[in-house]
Amino acid sequence: MQKKSYFCSDFGKIMEKISKAQIKLVRSLQQKKFRDELGLFVAEGDKCVSELTKSFELVHLYRKGENASRTEIEQMSGLRTPQGVIGVFKKHTICDFKFEICDLVLALDGIQDPGNLGTIIRTCDWFGVHEIVCSLDTADCYNPKVVQATMGALSRVRVHYMDLPAWLKELKIKNYELKIIGTLLEGKDMYEELSTFDFRLSTNIIVMGNEGNGISQEVRKLITNPIRIPSYPKNAETSESLNVSIATAIVLAEFRR
């Protein structure tokens, strides 16, 4: 028996024939100002679009050979090699982030590269981290490049944008057991430092910093537990630092271990 595709008549007008105005709308969503103004974002590919339908409202769906031609898909696509499926979704409305005791939360301070942010979101999904708090200068999670890199993980990981230093200060006042773990070159060996934690008694926030400058000075002052990922062998001559998405994966893997 053939498996039923979600690209079917169930979506009614979502699969309506494309118009020049719709092509223009989809192309405009490559820019943040239009995503914010319209409250929409775009995703491409069967896998990514299918995953996002679990959590986001699908507004328009275009599929090559069904309601859009190859040329029309190419005109709308932000990819060098379009995958033939484009979905337009409603962004989630902004809501207050209620921090739960003993949650593991990732904080991103000035992450600029969309590919890095998308990979980090996907990594959080794998390791069961469902909340990411971003500084206001971190890349937009609805940027098409970010969305593609998440491979649908945005449907399970919530991303919040706020004044990161102010948020961390407020949390420290309310929760004296709070641990703010920051990755710094001068930090303590991660494996030695984390071995001293009693994860049942503390709330943990992991802070990852900007690709070039690391964690900002304002946030750095609030870190309670600075750590570093040691190279192998120790003190060997290596690159100055790891890619931030790779470093995030290593740190989360050690926390979950």
C-alpha atoms as a PDB file:
ATOM      1  CA  MET A   1       0.000   0.000   0.000  1.00  0.00           C
ATOM      2  CA  GLN A   2       1.422   3.369  -1.000  1.00  0.00           C
ATOM      3  CA  LYS A   3       2.122   5.753   1.857  1.00  0.00           C
ATOM      4  CA  LYS A   4      -0.085   8.849   1.746  1.00  0.00           C
ATOM      5  CA  SER A   5       1.816  12.061   1.096  1.00  0.00           C
ATOM      6  CA  TYR A   6       1.000  15.191   3.068  1.00  0.00           C
ATOM      7  CA  PHE A   7       1.152  17.029  -0.278  1.00  0.00           C
ATOM      8  CA  CYS A   8      -2.425  16.241  -1.254  1.00  0.00           C
ATOM      9  CA  SER A   9      -5.862  17.788  -1.587  1.00  0.00           C
ATOM     10  CA  ASP A  10      -6.190  17.901   2.214  1.00  0.00           C
ATOM     11  CA  PHE A  11      -4.502  21.310   2.033  1.00  0.00           C
ATOM     12  CA  GLY A  12      -7.106  22.800  -0.337  1.00  0.00           C
ATOM     13  CA  LYS A  13      -6.270  26.419  -1.109  1.00  0.00           C
ATOM     14  CA  ILE A  14      -2.759  25.996   0.280  1.00  0.00           C
ATOM     15  CA  MET A  15      -1.966  24.147  -2.946  1.00  0.00           C
ATOM     16  CA  GLU A  16      -3.669  26.703  -5.198  1.00  0.00           C
ATOM     17  CA  LYS A  17      -2.091  27.669  -8.529  1.00  0.00           C
ATOM     18  CA  ILE A  18       0.754  30.118  -8.050  1.00  0.00           C
ATOM     19  CA  SER A  19       0.569  33.771  -9.139  1.00  0.00           C
ATOM     20  CA  LYS A  20       3.204  36.428  -9.808  1.00  0.00           C
ATOM     21  CA  ALA A  21       2.193  38.137  -6.558  1.00  0.00           C
ATOM     22  CA  GLN A  22       2.838  34.929  -4.606  1.00  0.00           C
ATOM     23  CA  ILE A  23       6.247  34.503  -6.235  1.00  0.00           C
ATOM     24  CA  LYS A  24       7.091  38.049  -5.184  1.00  0.00           C
ATOM     25  CA  LEU A  25       5.871  37.372  -1.639  1.00  0.00           C
ATOM     26  CA  VAL A  26       7.963  34.221  -1.250  1.00  0.00           C
ATOM     27  CA  ARG A  27      11.060  35.973  -2.591  1.00  0.00           C
ATOM     28  CA  SER A  28      10.527  38.857  -0.156  1.00  0.00           C
ATOM     29  CA  LEU A  29      10.740  36.443   2.790  1.00  0.00           C
ATOM     30  CA  GLN A  30      14.480  36.147   2.208  1.00  0.00           C
ATOM     31  CA  GLN A  31      14.645  39.511   4.022  1.00  0.00           C
ATOM     32  CA  LYS A  32      14.041  39.885   7.759  1.00  0.00           C
ATOM     33  CA  LYS A  33      12.039  43.114   7.477  1.00  0.00           C
ATOM     34  CA  PHE A  34       9.403  41.377   5.361  1.00  0.00           C
ATOM     35  CA  ARG A  35       9.370  38.277   7.578  1.00  0.00           C
ATOM     36  CA  ASP A  36       8.713  40.536  10.563  1.00  0.00           C
ATOM     37  CA  GLU A  37       6.153  42.668   8.727  1.00  0.00           C
ATOM     38  CA  LEU A  38       4.176  39.720   7.333  1.00  0.00           C
ATOM     39  CA  GLY A  39       4.722  37.281  10.192  1.00  0.00           C
ATOM     40  CA  LEU A  40       5.780  34.596   7.728  1.00  0.00           C
ATOM     41  CA  PHE A  41       8.841  32.527   6.888  1.00  0.00           C
ATOM     42  CA  VAL A  42       9.794  30.063   4.162  1.00  0.00           C
ATOM     43  CA  ALA A  43      11.170  26.511   4.182  1.00  0.00           C
ATOM     44  CA  GLU A  44      12.237  24.216   1.355  1.00  0.00           C
ATOM     45  CA  GLY A  45      12.356  20.460   0.789  1.00  0.00           C
ATOM     46  CA  ASP A  46      10.039  17.551   1.649  1.00  0.00           C
ATOM     47  CA  LYS A  47      11.703  16.723   4.979  1.00  0.00           C
ATOM     48  CA  CYS A  48      11.961  20.255   6.343  1.00  0.00           C
ATOM     49  CA  VAL A  49       8.457  21.316   5.288  1.00  0.00           C
ATOM     50  CA  SER A  50       6.912  18.094   6.600  1.00  0.00           C
ATOM     51  CA  GLU A  51       8.563  18.482  10.026  1.00  0.00           C
ATOM     52  CA  LEU A  52       7.544  22.139  10.359  1.00  0.00           C
ATOM     53  CA  THR A  53       3.862  21.344   9.716  1.00  0.00           C
ATOM     54  CA  LYS A  54       3.850  19.612  13.122  1.00  0.00           C
ATOM     55  CA  SER A  55       4.293  22.923  14.923  1.00  0.00           C
ATOM     56  CA  PHE A  56       3.713  25.812  12.507  1.00  0.00           C
ATOM     57  CA  GLU A  57       0.667  26.807  10.459  1.00  0.00           C
ATOM     58  CA  LEU A  58       1.264  26.154   6.766  1.00  0.00           C
ATOM     59  CA  VAL A  59      -0.053  29.064   4.675  1.00  0.00           C
ATOM     60  CA  HIS A  60       1.131  28.232   1.158  1.00  0.00           C
ATOM     61  CA  LEU A  61       2.620  25.096  -0.370  1.00  0.00           C
ATOM     62  CA  TYR A  62       4.264  24.941  -3.787  1.00  0.00           C
ATOM     63  CA  ARG A  63       5.401  21.731  -5.404  1.00  0.00           C
ATOM     64  CA  LYS A  64       7.095  21.402  -8.782  1.00  0.00           C
ATOM     65  CA  GLY A  65       4.836  19.668 -11.274  1.00  0.00           C
ATOM     66  CA  GLU A  66       1.684  20.133  -9.182  1.00  0.00           C
ATOM     67  CA  ASN A  67       0.974  23.826  -8.720  1.00  0.00           C
ATOM     68  CA  ALA A  68       4.296  25.395  -9.759  1.00  0.00           C
ATOM     69  CA  SER A  69       6.638  24.983 -12.696  1.00  0.00           C
ATOM     70  CA  ARG A  70      10.362  24.380 -12.428  1.00  0.00           C
ATOM     71  CA  THR A  71      10.992  28.010 -13.416  1.00  0.00           C
ATOM     72  CA  GLU A  72       8.593  29.309 -10.760  1.00  0.00           C
ATOM     73  CA  ILE A  73      10.222  27.172  -8.067  1.00  0.00           C
ATOM     74  CA  GLU A  74      13.643  28.473  -9.120  1.00  0.00           C
ATOM     75  CA  GLN A  75      12.371  32.055  -8.943  1.00  0.00           C
ATOM     76  CA  MET A  76      11.137  31.554  -5.367  1.00  0.00           C
ATOM     77  CA  SER A  77      13.950  29.394  -4.051  1.00  0.00           C
ATOM     78  CA  GLY A  78      16.873  30.676  -2.027  1.00  0.00           C
ATOM     79  CA  LEU A  79      18.891  27.527  -2.738  1.00  0.00           C
ATOM     80  CA  ARG A  80      21.433  27.014  -5.503  1.00  0.00           C
ATOM     81  CA  THR A  81      19.773  23.687  -6.239  1.00  0.00           C
ATOM     82  CA  PRO A  82      16.036  23.993  -5.472  1.00  0.00           C
ATOM     83  CA  GLN A  83      14.466  20.866  -3.979  1.00  0.00           C
ATOM     84  CA  GLY A  84      11.095  21.302  -5.694  1.00  0.00           C
ATOM     85  CA  VAL A  85       9.009  21.923  -2.578  1.00  0.00           C
ATOM     86  CA  ILE A  86       8.497  25.299  -0.886  1.00  0.00           C
ATOM     87  CA  GLY A  87       6.342  25.975   2.158  1.00  0.00           C
ATOM     88  CA  VAL A  88       5.334  29.331   3.626  1.00  0.00           C
ATOM     89  CA  PHE A  89       4.545  29.241   7.349  1.00  0.00           C
ATOM     90  CA  LYS A  90       3.252  31.599  10.024  1.00  0.00           C
ATOM     91  CA  LYS A  91       5.855  32.578  12.589  1.00  0.00           C
ATOM     92  CA  HIS A  92       5.080  31.809  16.217  1.00  0.00           C
ATOM     93  CA  THR A  93       3.795  34.775  18.187  1.00  0.00           C
ATOM     94  CA  ILE A  94       6.140  36.182  20.820  1.00  0.00           C
ATOM     95  CA  CYS A  95       5.401  34.794  24.280  1.00  0.00           C
ATOM     96  CA  ASP A  96       6.962  35.134  27.704  1.00  0.00           C
ATOM     97  CA  PHE A  97       9.663  32.600  28.475  1.00  0.00           C
ATOM     98  CA  LYS A  98       9.028  30.921  31.825  1.00  0.00           C
ATOM     99  CA  PHE A  99      12.250  29.383  33.080  1.00  0.00           C
ATOM    100  CA  GLU A 100      11.710  26.024  34.781  1.00  0.00           C
ATOM    101  CA  ILE A 101      13.952  24.845  37.587  1.00  0.00           C
ATOM    102  CA  CYS A 102      16.426  22.121  36.520  1.00  0.00           C
ATOM    103  CA  ASP A 103      15.914  22.795  32.822  1.00  0.00           C
ATOM    104  CA  LEU A 104      19.041  22.802  30.677  1.00  0.00           C
ATOM    105  CA  VAL A 105      18.909  25.978  28.615  1.00  0.00           C
ATOM    106  CA  LEU A 106      21.280  27.171  25.902  1.00  0.00           C
ATOM    107  CA  ALA A 107      22.055  30.889  25.632  1.00  0.00           C
ATOM    108  CA  LEU A 108      23.583  32.288  22.442  1.00  0.00           C
ATOM    109  CA  ASP A 109      25.512  35.548  22.648  1.00  0.00           C
ATOM    110  CA  GLY A 110      25.907  37.219  19.262  1.00  0.00           C
ATOM    111  CA  ILE A 111      25.905  34.175  16.965  1.00  0.00           C
ATOM    112  CA  GLN A 112      25.966  35.713  13.491  1.00  0.00           C
ATOM    113  CA  ASP A 113      26.275  32.907  10.958  1.00  0.00           C
ATOM    114  CA  PRO A 114      22.877  31.463   9.921  1.00  0.00           C
ATOM    115  CA  GLY A 115      24.402  28.057   9.217  1.00  0.00           C
ATOM    116  CA  ASN A 116      25.878  27.903  12.706  1.00  0.00           C
ATOM    117  CA  LEU A 117      22.590  28.902  14.314  1.00  0.00           C
ATOM    118  CA  GLY A 118      20.634  26.329  12.315  1.00  0.00           C
ATOM    119  CA  THR A 119      23.093  23.575  13.202  1.00  0.00           C
ATOM    120  CA  ILE A 120      22.951  24.562  16.885  1.00  0.00           C
ATOM    121  CA  ILE A 121      19.135  24.376  16.871  1.00  0.00           C
ATOM    122  CA  ARG A 122      19.309  20.930  15.257  1.00  0.00           C
ATOM    123  CA  THR A 123      21.907  19.828  17.834  1.00  0.00           C
ATOM    124  CA  CYS A 124      19.699  21.029  20.706  1.00  0.00           C
ATOM    125  CA  ASP A 125      16.847  18.978  19.279  1.00  0.00           C
ATOM    126  CA  TRP A 126      19.073  15.866  19.324  1.00  0.00           C
ATOM    127  CA  PHE A 127      20.165  16.390  22.933  1.00  0.00           C
ATOM    128  CA  GLY A 128      16.724  17.290  24.292  1.00  0.00           C
ATOM    129  CA  VAL A 129      17.361  20.986  24.883  1.00  0.00           C
ATOM    130  CA  HIS A 130      14.035  22.602  24.061  1.00  0.00           C
ATOM    131  CA  GLU A 131      14.734  26.256  24.928  1.00  0.00           C
ATOM    132  CA  ILE A 132      17.327  28.579  23.390  1.00  0.00           C
ATOM    133  CA  VAL A 133      17.690  32.165  24.581  1.00  0.00           C
ATOM    134  CA  CYS A 134      19.415  34.480  22.096  1.00  0.00           C
ATOM    135  CA  SER A 135      20.882  37.946  22.481  1.00  0.00           C
ATOM    136  CA  LEU A 136      19.203  40.572  20.332  1.00  0.00           C
ATOM    137  CA  ASP A 137      22.156  40.628  17.910  1.00  0.00           C
ATOM    138  CA  THR A 138      22.016  36.879  17.210  1.00  0.00           C
ATOM    139  CA  ALA A 139      20.942  35.817  13.700  1.00  0.00           C
ATOM    140  CA  ASP A 140      17.204  35.480  13.007  1.00  0.00           C
ATOM    141  CA  CYS A 141      16.014  31.903  13.519  1.00  0.00           C
ATOM    142  CA  TYR A 142      13.532  32.396  10.644  1.00  0.00           C
ATOM    143  CA  ASN A 143      16.271  33.261   8.168  1.00  0.00           C
ATOM    144  CA  PRO A 144      15.815  30.709   5.321  1.00  0.00           C
ATOM    145  CA  LYS A 145      19.414  29.509   5.729  1.00  0.00           C
ATOM    146  CA  VAL A 146      18.806  28.882   9.425  1.00  0.00           C
ATOM    147  CA  VAL A 147      15.526  27.102   8.739  1.00  0.00           C
ATOM    148  CA  GLN A 148      17.179  24.807   6.170  1.00  0.00           C
ATOM    149  CA  ALA A 149      20.053  23.967   8.507  1.00  0.00           C
ATOM    150  CA  THR A 150      17.648  22.964  11.306  1.00  0.00           C
ATOM    151  CA  MET A 151      16.060  20.264   9.095  1.00  0.00           C
ATOM    152  CA  GLY A 152      12.740  20.828  10.857  1.00  0.00           C
ATOM    153  CA  ALA A 153      14.098  21.016  14.419  1.00  0.00           C
ATOM    154  CA  LEU A 154      12.381  24.414  14.822  1.00  0.00           C
ATOM    155  CA  SER A 155       9.182  22.468  15.348  1.00  0.00           C
ATOM    156  CA  ARG A 156      10.551  21.131  18.665  1.00  0.00           C
ATOM    157  CA  VAL A 157      13.035  23.785  19.862  1.00  0.00           C
ATOM    158  CA  ARG A 158      11.752  27.199  20.935  1.00  0.00           C
ATOM    159  CA  VAL A 159      13.996  30.191  20.254  1.00  0.00           C
ATOM    160  CA  HIS A 160      13.627  33.394  22.290  1.00  0.00           C
ATOM    161  CA  TYR A 161      15.256  36.807  21.740  1.00  0.00           C
ATOM    162  CA  MET A 162      15.878  39.161  24.641  1.00  0.00           C
ATOM    163  CA  ASP A 163      18.378  41.388  26.403  1.00  0.00           C
ATOM    164  CA  LEU A 164      20.650  38.518  27.422  1.00  0.00           C
ATOM    165  CA  PRO A 165      22.709  40.250  30.175  1.00  0.00           C
ATOM    166  CA  ALA A 166      19.543  41.658  31.811  1.00  0.00           C
ATOM    167  CA  TRP A 167      17.833  38.254  31.681  1.00  0.00           C
ATOM    168  CA  LEU A 168      20.815  36.484  33.233  1.00  0.00           C
ATOM    169  CA  LYS A 169      21.121  39.110  35.984  1.00  0.00           C
ATOM    170  CA  GLU A 170      17.453  38.705  36.882  1.00  0.00           C
ATOM    171  CA  LEU A 171      17.770  34.921  37.011  1.00  0.00           C
ATOM    172  CA  LYS A 172      20.823  35.103  39.289  1.00  0.00           C
ATOM    173  CA  ILE A 173      18.882  37.235  41.741  1.00  0.00           C
ATOM    174  CA  LYS A 174      15.938  34.811  41.795  1.00  0.00           C
ATOM    175  CA  ASN A 175      17.887  31.539  41.841  1.00  0.00           C
ATOM    176  CA  TYR A 176      21.052  31.258  43.920  1.00  0.00           C
ATOM    177  CA  GLU A 177      21.585  27.666  42.719  1.00  0.00           C
ATOM    178  CA  LEU A 178      21.826  28.868  39.113  1.00  0.00           C
ATOM    179  CA  LYS A 179      24.950  27.887  37.240  1.00  0.00           C
ATOM    180  CA  ILE A 180      25.854  29.964  34.179  1.00  0.00           C
ATOM    181  CA  ILE A 181      28.433  27.954  32.281  1.00  0.00           C
ATOM    182  CA  GLY A 182      30.390  29.854  29.661  1.00  0.00           C
ATOM    183  CA  THR A 183      32.902  28.537  27.146  1.00  0.00           C
ATOM    184  CA  LEU A 184      36.064  30.627  27.481  1.00  0.00           C
ATOM    185  CA  LEU A 185      39.638  29.986  26.360  1.00  0.00           C
ATOM    186  CA  GLU A 186      40.806  30.676  29.918  1.00  0.00           C
ATOM    187  CA  GLY A 187      38.131  28.441  31.463  1.00  0.00           C
ATOM    188  CA  LYS A 188      38.682  25.242  33.439  1.00  0.00           C
ATOM    189  CA  ASP A 189      38.960  21.874  31.715  1.00  0.00           C
ATOM    190  CA  MET A 190      35.347  20.979  30.875  1.00  0.00           C
ATOM    191  CA  TYR A 191      35.633  17.322  31.853  1.00  0.00           C
ATOM    192  CA  GLU A 192      37.158  18.119  35.247  1.00  0.00           C
ATOM    193  CA  GLU A 193      34.757  20.975  36.007  1.00  0.00           C
ATOM    194  CA  LEU A 194      31.546  19.172  35.067  1.00  0.00           C
ATOM    195  CA  SER A 195      32.527  16.098  37.073  1.00  0.00           C
ATOM    196  CA  THR A 196      32.006  18.204  40.238  1.00  0.00           C
ATOM    197  CA  PHE A 197      28.401  19.139  39.372  1.00  0.00           C
ATOM    198  CA  ASP A 198      25.358  17.638  41.066  1.00  0.00           C
ATOM    199  CA  PHE A 199      22.910  18.123  38.212  1.00  0.00           C
ATOM    200  CA  ARG A 200      19.938  17.256  40.442  1.00  0.00           C
ATOM    201  CA  LEU A 201      20.486  20.336  42.613  1.00  0.00           C
ATOM    202  CA  SER A 202      21.359  23.057  40.132  1.00  0.00           C
ATOM    203  CA  THR A 203      19.808  24.845  37.209  1.00  0.00           C
ATOM    204  CA  ASN A 204      22.179  25.116  34.291  1.00  0.00           C
ATOM    205  CA  ILE A 205      22.516  27.641  31.489  1.00  0.00           C
ATOM    206  CA  ILE A 206      25.203  27.086  28.869  1.00  0.00           C
ATOM    207  CA  VAL A 207      26.428  30.232  27.116  1.00  0.00           C
ATOM    208  CA  MET A 208      28.070  30.061  23.679  1.00  0.00           C
ATOM    209  CA  GLY A 209      29.634  33.194  22.216  1.00  0.00           C
ATOM    210  CA  ASN A 210      30.170  34.996  18.945  1.00  0.00           C
ATOM    211  CA  GLU A 211      32.170  33.221  16.229  1.00  0.00           C
ATOM    212  CA  GLY A 212      35.004  35.770  16.249  1.00  0.00           C
ATOM    213  CA  ASN A 213      34.892  37.554  19.603  1.00  0.00           C
ATOM    214  CA  GLY A 214      33.476  34.908  21.900  1.00  0.00           C
ATOM    215  CA  ILE A 215      31.221  35.837  24.813  1.00  0.00           C
ATOM    216  CA  SER A 216      30.683  39.573  25.294  1.00  0.00           C
ATOM    217  CA  GLN A 217      32.234  41.314  28.295  1.00  0.00           C
ATOM    218  CA  GLU A 218      28.809  42.138  29.726  1.00  0.00           C
ATOM    219  CA  VAL A 219      27.755  38.481  29.729  1.00  0.00           C
ATOM    220  CA  ARG A 220      31.220  37.238  30.704  1.00  0.00           C
ATOM    221  CA  LYS A 221      30.923  39.042  34.051  1.00  0.00           C
ATOM    222  CA  LEU A 222      27.848  36.930  34.884  1.00  0.00           C
ATOM    223  CA  ILE A 223      29.394  33.514  34.228  1.00  0.00           C
ATOM    224  CA  THR A 224      29.694  31.387  37.363  1.00  0.00           C
ATOM    225  CA  ASN A 225      31.532  28.437  35.803  1.00  0.00           C
ATOM    226  CA  PRO A 226      33.933  29.197  32.931  1.00  0.00           C
ATOM    227  CA  ILE A 227      34.917  26.077  30.995  1.00  0.00           C
ATOM    228  CA  ARG A 228      36.969  25.175  27.939  1.00  0.00           C
ATOM    229  CA  ILE A 229      37.059  22.122  25.723  1.00  0.00           C
ATOM    230  CA  PRO A 230      40.606  20.763  26.056  1.00  0.00           C
ATOM    231  CA  SER A 231      42.540  19.896  22.919  1.00  0.00           C
ATOM    232  CA  TYR A 232      44.184  16.517  22.487  1.00  0.00           C
ATOM    233  CA  PRO A 233      46.844  15.997  23.547  1.00  0.00           C
ATOM    234  CA  LYS A 234      46.726  18.734  26.157  1.00  0.00           C
ATOM    235  CA  ASN A 235      48.699  21.885  25.330  1.00  0.00           C
ATOM    236  CA  ALA A 236      49.256  20.716  21.757  1.00  0.00           C
ATOM    237  CA  GLU A 237      49.638  23.351  19.037  1.00  0.00           C
ATOM    238  CA  THR A 238      46.172  23.540  17.466  1.00  0.00           C
ATOM    239  CA  SER A 239      43.712  25.965  15.920  1.00  0.00           C
ATOM    240  CA  GLU A 240      42.799  28.849  18.216  1.00  0.00           C
ATOM    241  CA  SER A 241      39.234  27.652  18.698  1.00  0.00           C
ATOM    242  CA  LEU A 242      36.494  25.321  17.498  1.00  0.00           C
ATOM    243  CA  ASN A 243      33.556  26.243  15.287  1.00  0.00           C
ATOM    244  CA  VAL A 244      30.772  27.341  17.656  1.00  0.00           C
ATOM    245  CA  SER A 245      28.256  24.760  16.421  1.00  0.00           C
ATOM    246  CA  ILE A 246      30.779  21.945  16.896  1.00  0.00           C
ATOM    247  CA  ALA A 247      31.736  23.267  20.329  1.00  0.00           C
ATOM    248  CA  THR A 248      28.052  23.372  21.305  1.00  0.00           C
ATOM    249  CA  ALA A 249      27.599  19.737  20.297  1.00  0.00           C
ATOM    250  CA  ILE A 250      30.617  18.650  22.352  1.00  0.00           C
ATOM    251  CA  VAL A 251      29.476  20.537  25.463  1.00  0.00           C
ATOM    252  CA  LEU A 252      25.870  19.273  25.228  1.00  0.00           C
ATOM    253  CA  ALA A 253      27.068  15.713  24.701  1.00  0.00           C
ATOM    254  CA  GLU A 254      29.160  15.927  27.872  1.00  0.00           C
ATOM    255  CA  PHE A 255      26.254  17.379  29.867  1.00  0.00           C
ATOM    256  CA  ARG A 256      23.926  14.596  28.755  1.00  0.00           C
ATOM    257  CA  ARG A 257      26.554  11.943  29.431  1.00  0.00           C
END
